[in-house]
C-alpha atoms as a PDB file:
ATOM      1  CA  MET A   1      19.447 -16.973 -44.641  1.00  0.00           C
ATOM      2  CA  LYS A   2      17.083 -17.277 -47.575  1.00  0.00           C
ATOM      3  CA  ILE A   3      18.723 -18.455 -50.819  1.00  0.00           C
ATOM      4  CA  SER A   4      16.895 -17.555 -54.007  1.00  0.00           C
ATOM      5  CA  VAL A   5      16.207 -20.286 -56.547  1.00  0.00           C
ATOM      6  CA  PRO A   6      18.037 -19.508 -59.846  1.00  0.00           C
ATOM      7  CA  ARG A   7      15.048 -20.273 -62.085  1.00  0.00           C
ATOM      8  CA  LYS A   8      16.205 -18.042 -64.946  1.00  0.00           C
ATOM      9  CA  ASN A   9      19.541 -19.824 -65.407  1.00  0.00           C
ATOM     10  CA  LEU A  10      19.244 -23.461 -66.486  1.00  0.00           C
ATOM     11  CA  LYS A  11      22.847 -24.330 -65.614  1.00  0.00           C
ATOM     12  CA  GLU A  12      22.689 -22.738 -62.156  1.00  0.00           C
ATOM     13  CA  MET A  13      19.289 -24.330 -61.580  1.00  0.00           C
ATOM     14  CA  THR A  14      20.700 -27.771 -62.336  1.00  0.00           C
ATOM     15  CA  LEU A  15      23.606 -27.245 -59.938  1.00  0.00           C
ATOM     16  CA  TYR A  16      21.189 -25.925 -57.327  1.00  0.00           C
ATOM     17  CA  ILE A  17      19.091 -29.103 -57.574  1.00  0.00           C
ATOM     18  CA  TRP A  18      22.082 -31.449 -57.395  1.00  0.00           C
ATOM     19  CA  LYS A  19      23.489 -29.627 -54.370  1.00  0.00           C
ATOM     20  CA  ILE A  20      20.250 -30.464 -52.586  1.00  0.00           C
ATOM     21  CA  LEU A  21      19.812 -34.014 -53.885  1.00  0.00           C
ATOM     22  CA  GLU A  22      23.453 -35.075 -53.417  1.00  0.00           C
ATOM     23  CA  TYR A  23      22.967 -37.965 -55.868  1.00  0.00           C
ATOM     24  CA  SER A  24      25.530 -39.148 -58.380  1.00  0.00           C
ATOM     25  CA  GLN A  25      22.694 -40.532 -60.519  1.00  0.00           C
ATOM     26  CA  ILE A  26      18.909 -40.717 -60.398  1.00  0.00           C
ATOM     27  CA  SER A  27      16.118 -42.141 -62.534  1.00  0.00           C
ATOM     28  CA  LYS A  28      14.038 -39.705 -64.528  1.00  0.00           C
ATOM     29  CA  LYS A  29      10.914 -40.883 -62.707  1.00  0.00           C
ATOM     30  CA  GLU A  30      12.429 -40.311 -59.251  1.00  0.00           C
ATOM     31  CA  LEU A  31      13.842 -36.930 -60.269  1.00  0.00           C
ATOM     32  CA  LEU A  32      10.414 -35.898 -61.522  1.00  0.00           C
ATOM     33  CA  TYR A  33       8.856 -36.909 -58.189  1.00  0.00           C
ATOM     34  CA  LYS A  34      11.453 -35.057 -56.115  1.00  0.00           C
ATOM     35  CA  LEU A  35      11.280 -31.876 -58.179  1.00  0.00           C
ATOM     36  CA  THR A  36       7.501 -31.847 -57.954  1.00  0.00           C
ATOM     37  CA  PHE A  37       6.652 -33.166 -54.484  1.00  0.00           C
ATOM     38  CA  ASP A  38       9.757 -33.281 -52.254  1.00  0.00           C
ATOM     39  CA  LEU A  39      11.333 -29.978 -53.299  1.00  0.00           C
ATOM     40  CA  SER A  40       8.170 -28.309 -54.645  1.00  0.00           C
ATOM     41  CA  LEU A  41      10.193 -26.533 -57.317  1.00  0.00           C
ATOM     42  CA  PHE A  42       7.918 -27.283 -60.271  1.00  0.00           C
ATOM     43  CA  THR A  43       4.523 -28.546 -61.275  1.00  0.00           C
ATOM     44  CA  PRO A  44       4.708 -31.991 -62.980  1.00  0.00           C
ATOM     45  CA  ASP A  45       4.556 -30.397 -66.458  1.00  0.00           C
ATOM     46  CA  GLU A  46       7.225 -27.833 -65.518  1.00  0.00           C
ATOM     47  CA  ALA A  47       9.460 -30.592 -64.129  1.00  0.00           C
ATOM     48  CA  LEU A  48       9.192 -32.589 -67.366  1.00  0.00           C
ATOM     49  CA  LYS A  49      10.027 -29.455 -69.352  1.00  0.00           C
ATOM     50  CA  TYR A  50      13.040 -28.717 -67.124  1.00  0.00           C
ATOM     51  CA  ILE A  51      14.429 -32.260 -67.475  1.00  0.00           C
ATOM     52  CA  LYS A  52      13.998 -32.149 -71.250  1.00  0.00           C
ATOM     53  CA  GLU A  53      15.739 -28.769 -71.568  1.00  0.00           C
ATOM     54  CA  ALA A  54      18.583 -29.829 -69.245  1.00  0.00           C
ATOM     55  CA  GLN A  55      19.213 -32.898 -71.435  1.00  0.00           C
ATOM     56  CA  GLU A  56      18.966 -30.916 -74.663  1.00  0.00           C
ATOM     57  CA  ASN A  57      21.562 -28.474 -73.333  1.00  0.00           C
ATOM     58  CA  ASN A  58      23.854 -31.325 -72.245  1.00  0.00           C
ATOM     59  CA  LEU A  59      23.602 -30.403 -68.578  1.00  0.00           C
ATOM     60  CA  LEU A  60      22.083 -33.763 -67.698  1.00  0.00           C
ATOM     61  CA  VAL A  61      23.261 -36.961 -69.364  1.00  0.00           C
ATOM     62  CA  GLY A  62      20.957 -39.980 -69.772  1.00  0.00           C
ATOM     63  CA  TYR A  63      22.299 -43.555 -69.717  1.00  0.00           C
ATOM     64  CA  ASP A  64      21.518 -47.132 -68.540  1.00  0.00           C
ATOM     65  CA  ASP A  65      17.781 -47.678 -68.173  1.00  0.00           C
ATOM     66  CA  ASN A  66      16.740 -44.051 -68.122  1.00  0.00           C
ATOM     67  CA  LEU A  67      19.155 -42.933 -65.364  1.00  0.00           C
ATOM     68  CA  LEU A  68      20.328 -39.320 -65.324  1.00  0.00           C
ATOM     69  CA  LYS A  69      23.527 -37.726 -64.059  1.00  0.00           C
ATOM     70  CA  LEU A  70      25.316 -34.405 -64.355  1.00  0.00           C
ATOM     71  CA  SER A  71      27.447 -33.668 -67.372  1.00  0.00           C
ATOM     72  CA  PRO A  72      31.212 -34.054 -66.724  1.00  0.00           C
ATOM     73  CA  GLU A  73      31.619 -30.252 -66.717  1.00  0.00           C
ATOM     74  CA  LEU A  74      28.859 -29.700 -64.143  1.00  0.00           C
ATOM     75  CA  GLU A  75      30.010 -32.659 -62.066  1.00  0.00           C
ATOM     76  CA  LYS A  76      33.465 -31.065 -61.811  1.00  0.00           C
ATOM     77  CA  THR A  77      31.906 -27.731 -60.803  1.00  0.00           C
ATOM     78  CA  LEU A  78      29.790 -29.497 -58.168  1.00  0.00           C
ATOM     79  CA  LYS A  79      32.796 -31.335 -56.704  1.00  0.00           C
ATOM     80  CA  ASN A  80      34.735 -28.062 -56.462  1.00  0.00           C
ATOM     81  CA  TRP A  81      31.781 -26.487 -54.638  1.00  0.00           C
ATOM     82  CA  GLN A  82      31.526 -29.473 -52.280  1.00  0.00           C
ATOM     83  CA  LYS A  83      35.239 -29.262 -51.462  1.00  0.00           C
ATOM     84  CA  LYS A  84      34.997 -25.528 -50.813  1.00  0.00           C
ATOM     85  CA  ARG A  85      31.926 -26.074 -48.636  1.00  0.00           C
ATOM     86  CA  LYS A  86      33.692 -28.820 -46.668  1.00  0.00           C
ATOM     87  CA  ASP A  87      36.718 -26.578 -46.098  1.00  0.00           C
ATOM     88  CA  GLU A  88      34.431 -23.767 -44.887  1.00  0.00           C
ATOM     89  CA  ILE A  89      32.723 -26.095 -42.391  1.00  0.00           C
ATOM     90  CA  LEU A  90      36.035 -27.457 -41.095  1.00  0.00           C
ATOM     91  CA  ASN A  91      37.354 -23.913 -40.737  1.00  0.00           C
ATOM     92  CA  LYS A  92      34.273 -22.901 -38.738  1.00  0.00           C
ATOM     93  CA  ILE A  93      34.722 -25.913 -36.453  1.00  0.00           C
ATOM     94  CA  LYS A  94      38.380 -25.019 -35.958  1.00  0.00           C
ATOM     95  CA  LEU A  95      37.514 -21.384 -35.241  1.00  0.00           C
ATOM     96  CA  SER A  96      34.828 -22.440 -32.766  1.00  0.00           C
ATOM     97  CA  LYS A  97      37.216 -24.713 -30.860  1.00  0.00           C
ATOM     98  CA  ASN A  98      39.914 -22.046 -30.806  1.00  0.00           C
ATOM     99  CA  ALA A  99      37.397 -19.436 -29.622  1.00  0.00           C
ATOM    100  CA  GLU A 100      36.362 -21.651 -26.717  1.00  0.00           C
ATOM    101  CA  LYS A 101      39.999 -22.145 -25.698  1.00  0.00           C
ATOM    102  CA  ILE A 102      40.689 -18.401 -25.741  1.00  0.00           C
ATOM    103  CA  LYS A 103      37.546 -17.646 -23.735  1.00  0.00           C
ATOM    104  CA  THR A 104      38.264 -20.349 -21.132  1.00  0.00           C
ATOM    105  CA  LYS A 105      41.878 -19.238 -20.717  1.00  0.00           C
ATOM    106  CA  PHE A 106      40.833 -15.599 -20.390  1.00  0.00           C
ATOM    107  CA  GLN A 107      38.159 -16.356 -17.796  1.00  0.00           C
ATOM    108  CA  ARG A 108      40.410 -18.614 -15.709  1.00  0.00           C
ATOM    109  CA  ASP A 109      43.402 -16.274 -15.583  1.00  0.00           C
ATOM    110  CA  LYS A 110      41.963 -13.733 -13.160  1.00  0.00           C
ATOM    111  CA  THR A 111      45.350 -12.410 -11.965  1.00  0.00           C
ATOM    112  CA  SER A 112      46.651 -11.320 -15.400  1.00  0.00           C
ATOM    113  CA  THR A 113      47.039  -7.541 -15.524  1.00  0.00           C
ATOM    114  CA  PHE A 114      46.195  -7.612 -19.234  1.00  0.00           C
ATOM    115  CA  ASN A 115      42.961  -9.504 -18.591  1.00  0.00           C
ATOM    116  CA  ILE A 116      41.931  -7.213 -15.729  1.00  0.00           C
ATOM    117  CA  LEU A 117      42.517  -4.129 -17.890  1.00  0.00           C
ATOM    118  CA  LEU A 118      40.693  -5.529 -20.906  1.00  0.00           C
ATOM    119  CA  LYS A 119      37.691  -6.671 -18.833  1.00  0.00           C
ATOM    120  CA  ALA A 120      37.179  -3.092 -17.686  1.00  0.00           C
ATOM    121  CA  PHE A 121      36.405  -2.123 -21.287  1.00  0.00           C
ATOM    122  CA  LEU A 122      34.009  -4.995 -21.994  1.00  0.00           C
ATOM    123  CA  ASP A 123      30.269  -5.186 -21.534  1.00  0.00           C
ATOM    124  CA  LYS A 124      28.581  -8.516 -20.859  1.00  0.00           C
ATOM    125  CA  GLY A 125      28.731 -10.753 -23.911  1.00  0.00           C
ATOM    126  CA  THR A 126      31.416  -8.795 -25.753  1.00  0.00           C
ATOM    127  CA  LEU A 127      34.106 -11.405 -25.060  1.00  0.00           C
ATOM    128  CA  ASN A 128      31.909 -14.189 -26.475  1.00  0.00           C
ATOM    129  CA  ARG A 129      31.529 -12.244 -29.711  1.00  0.00           C
ATOM    130  CA  ALA A 130      35.178 -11.198 -29.827  1.00  0.00           C
ATOM    131  CA  VAL A 131      36.652 -14.706 -29.656  1.00  0.00           C
ATOM    132  CA  ASN A 132      34.594 -15.690 -32.702  1.00  0.00           C
ATOM    133  CA  VAL A 133      36.328 -13.083 -34.857  1.00  0.00           C
ATOM    134  CA  SER A 134      39.046 -14.820 -36.870  1.00  0.00           C
ATOM    135  CA  ASP A 135      42.713 -13.841 -36.564  1.00  0.00           C
ATOM    136  CA  ASP A 136      42.782 -13.852 -40.368  1.00  0.00           C
ATOM    137  CA  SER A 137      40.330 -10.952 -40.444  1.00  0.00           C
ATOM    138  CA  ILE A 138      42.862  -8.630 -38.769  1.00  0.00           C
ATOM    139  CA  ILE A 139      45.238  -6.609 -40.943  1.00  0.00           C
ATOM    140  CA  LEU A 140      47.790  -5.001 -38.630  1.00  0.00           C
ATOM    141  CA  SER A 141      49.819  -2.205 -40.199  1.00  0.00           C
ATOM    142  CA  LEU A 142      51.263  -0.579 -37.053  1.00  0.00           C
ATOM    143  CA  PHE A 143      51.773  -1.760 -33.477  1.00  0.00           C
ATOM    144  CA  ASP A 144      54.527   0.383 -31.978  1.00  0.00           C
ATOM    145  CA  LEU A 145      54.708   1.193 -28.274  1.00  0.00           C
ATOM    146  CA  ASN A 146      57.526   3.697 -28.800  1.00  0.00           C
ATOM    147  CA  LYS A 147      55.370   5.655 -31.232  1.00  0.00           C
ATOM    148  CA  GLY A 148      52.320   4.978 -29.101  1.00  0.00           C
ATOM    149  CA  LYS A 149      50.265   3.986 -32.122  1.00  0.00           C
ATOM    150  CA  ILE A 150      48.162   1.093 -33.355  1.00  0.00           C
ATOM    151  CA  ASP A 151      46.746   1.061 -36.883  1.00  0.00           C
ATOM    152  CA  ALA A 152      44.695  -1.891 -38.038  1.00  0.00           C
ATOM    153  CA  GLN A 153      41.896  -2.953 -40.318  1.00  0.00           C
ATOM    154  CA  ILE A 154      39.398  -5.663 -39.482  1.00  0.00           C
ATOM    155  CA  ILE A 155      37.482  -7.488 -42.189  1.00  0.00           C
ATOM    156  CA  GLY A 156      33.846  -7.830 -41.201  1.00  0.00           C
ATOM    157  CA  SER A 157      30.361  -8.097 -42.656  1.00  0.00           C
ATOM    158  CA  ARG A 158      30.444  -4.917 -44.721  1.00  0.00           C
ATOM    159  CA  LYS A 159      32.229  -4.352 -48.035  1.00  0.00           C
ATOM    160  CA  ASN A 160      35.092  -2.241 -46.683  1.00  0.00           C
ATOM    161  CA  PRO A 161      37.174  -3.281 -43.634  1.00  0.00           C
ATOM    162  CA  TYR A 162      36.620  -1.542 -40.310  1.00  0.00           C
ATOM    163  CA  ILE A 163      39.452   0.721 -39.178  1.00  0.00           C
ATOM    164  CA  VAL A 164      41.096   1.015 -35.775  1.00  0.00           C
ATOM    165  CA  GLU A 165      43.484   3.872 -34.991  1.00  0.00           C
ATOM    166  CA  ILE A 166      44.856   4.316 -31.480  1.00  0.00           C
ATOM    167  CA  ASP A 167      47.181   7.198 -30.633  1.00  0.00           C
ATOM    168  CA  ILE A 168      48.483   7.497 -27.063  1.00  0.00           C
ATOM    169  CA  LYS A 169      50.088  10.916 -27.629  1.00  0.00           C
ATOM    170  CA  ASN A 170      46.848  12.470 -28.865  1.00  0.00           C
ATOM    171  CA  LEU A 171      44.639  10.415 -26.528  1.00  0.00           C
ATOM    172  CA  SER A 172      42.586   9.214 -29.493  1.00  0.00           C
ATOM    173  CA  LEU A 173      40.829   5.930 -30.244  1.00  0.00           C
ATOM    174  CA  LYS A 174      39.086   5.774 -33.600  1.00  0.00           C
ATOM    175  CA  HIS A 175      36.870   2.940 -34.817  1.00  0.00           C
ATOM    176  CA  ASP A 176      33.918   2.822 -37.193  1.00  0.00           C
ATOM    177  CA  CYS A 177      31.764  -0.263 -36.676  1.00  0.00           C
ATOM    178  CA  GLN A 178      28.081   0.430 -36.034  1.00  0.00           C
ATOM    179  CA  ASP A 179      28.035  -1.311 -32.655  1.00  0.00           C
ATOM    180  CA  PHE A 180      30.917   0.829 -31.403  1.00  0.00           C
ATOM    181  CA  ILE A 181      29.398   4.054 -32.726  1.00  0.00           C
ATOM    182  CA  THR A 182      25.882   3.482 -31.402  1.00  0.00           C
ATOM    183  CA  LYS A 183      26.450   1.509 -28.189  1.00  0.00           C
ATOM    184  CA  ARG A 184      30.068   1.758 -26.966  1.00  0.00           C
ATOM    185  CA  LEU A 185      31.531   5.095 -27.969  1.00  0.00           C
ATOM    186  CA  ASP A 186      29.761   7.329 -25.446  1.00  0.00           C
ATOM    187  CA  ASN A 187      30.563   4.988 -22.539  1.00  0.00           C
ATOM    188  CA  LYS A 188      34.134   4.426 -23.762  1.00  0.00           C
ATOM    189  CA  LYS A 189      33.716   0.676 -24.043  1.00  0.00           C
ATOM    190  CA  PHE A 190      35.127  -1.807 -26.562  1.00  0.00           C
ATOM    191  CA  CYS A 191      33.113  -3.609 -29.230  1.00  0.00           C
ATOM    192  CA  LYS A 192      34.007  -7.135 -30.351  1.00  0.00           C
ATOM    193  CA  HIS A 193      36.500  -5.803 -32.935  1.00  0.00           C
ATOM    194  CA  LEU A 194      38.518  -3.805 -30.398  1.00  0.00           C
ATOM    195  CA  ALA A 195      38.399  -6.651 -27.880  1.00  0.00           C
ATOM    196  CA  LYS A 196      39.573  -9.128 -30.529  1.00  0.00           C
ATOM    197  CA  LEU A 197      42.328  -6.789 -31.680  1.00  0.00           C
ATOM    198  CA  PHE A 198      43.783  -6.602 -28.172  1.00  0.00           C
ATOM    199  CA  LEU A 199      43.527 -10.382 -27.727  1.00  0.00           C
ATOM    200  CA  PHE A 200      45.367 -10.674 -31.035  1.00  0.00           C
ATOM    201  CA  LEU A 201      48.024  -8.162 -29.932  1.00  0.00           C
ATOM    202  CA  LYS A 202      48.463  -9.995 -26.644  1.00  0.00           C
ATOM    203  CA  GLU A 203      49.678 -13.053 -28.556  1.00  0.00           C
ATOM    204  CA  LYS A 204      52.202 -10.898 -30.413  1.00  0.00           C
ATOM    205  CA  ASP A 205      53.513  -8.856 -27.477  1.00  0.00           C
ATOM    206  CA  GLU A 206      51.551  -9.042 -24.229  1.00  0.00           C
ATOM    207  CA  ASN A 207      53.594  -6.367 -22.467  1.00  0.00           C
ATOM    208  CA  SER A 208      53.073  -3.793 -25.234  1.00  0.00           C
ATOM    209  CA  ALA A 209      49.370  -4.635 -25.498  1.00  0.00           C
ATOM    210  CA  LYS A 210      49.072  -4.205 -21.724  1.00  0.00           C
ATOM    211  CA  ARG A 211      50.876  -0.847 -21.841  1.00  0.00           C
ATOM    212  CA  PHE A 212      48.412   0.445 -24.442  1.00  0.00           C
ATOM    213  CA  LEU A 213      45.481  -0.608 -22.244  1.00  0.00           C
ATOM    214  CA  GLU A 214      47.125   1.051 -19.239  1.00  0.00           C
ATOM    215  CA  ALA A 215      47.612   4.270 -21.186  1.00  0.00           C
ATOM    216  CA  ILE A 216      43.930   4.344 -22.134  1.00  0.00           C
ATOM    217  CA  SER A 217      42.561   3.394 -18.699  1.00  0.00           C
ATOM    218  CA  GLU A 218      44.811   5.743 -16.689  1.00  0.00           C
ATOM    219  CA  ASN A 219      43.503   8.829 -18.519  1.00  0.00           C
ATOM    220  CA  ILE A 220      40.192   7.495 -19.765  1.00  0.00           C
ATOM    221  CA  GLU A 221      38.338  10.753 -19.021  1.00  0.00           C
ATOM    222  CA  LYS A 222      40.717  12.626 -21.366  1.00  0.00           C
ATOM    223  CA  TRP A 223      40.612  10.120 -24.197  1.00  0.00           C
ATOM    224  CA  GLU A 224      38.444  10.768 -27.202  1.00  0.00           C
ATOM    225  CA  PHE A 225      36.612   7.722 -28.551  1.00  0.00           C
ATOM    226  CA  HIS A 226      35.313   8.564 -32.029  1.00  0.00           C
ATOM    227  CA  ASN A 227      34.597   7.276 -35.512  1.00  0.00           C
END
């Protein structure tokens, strides 16, 4: 992913530079060299101008033999960003480990009726993508076997959450992600969101999740998959 350099905002530019450098302090001479040659952000004259303006605006503080460091305000902002970034990385590691456990357990348990039913709706690679969807991204509003309905939202890459509506009585499965619409719908297969939803429901109530899959598979030719 390409990240644009915030050249028009002096404060954001200073934070941007310190996120890359990861220094608590640096000499003006070394900073000039890094800005010009290592990072290729400025020409030498532009780098000198930037450093001067950052000091004049109290974004960089000079002390002890021409050393520079962030102002207390910017240093606090940087530390908050670093903590948030660390938490994001740890969360991704945790999600990755959990995804591998789910996938291994699913692949090993070949006698589970739930697993056999779910596999029938999956194309190659769908499970690998499904297990990487976080449980936290699922907003479940209805999961009722007696009513024969599942209503859920799944937070994904677009602005609005994806919807999932399953209705046994009306033989209807509705979902609106692009992969489902363009590649799965016509063949009545599950995308990663639907696969993840059923893995999620299995942990809540495996028997009910299985019964929903049975209801879909038993009359698959009569079911309408739509968006």
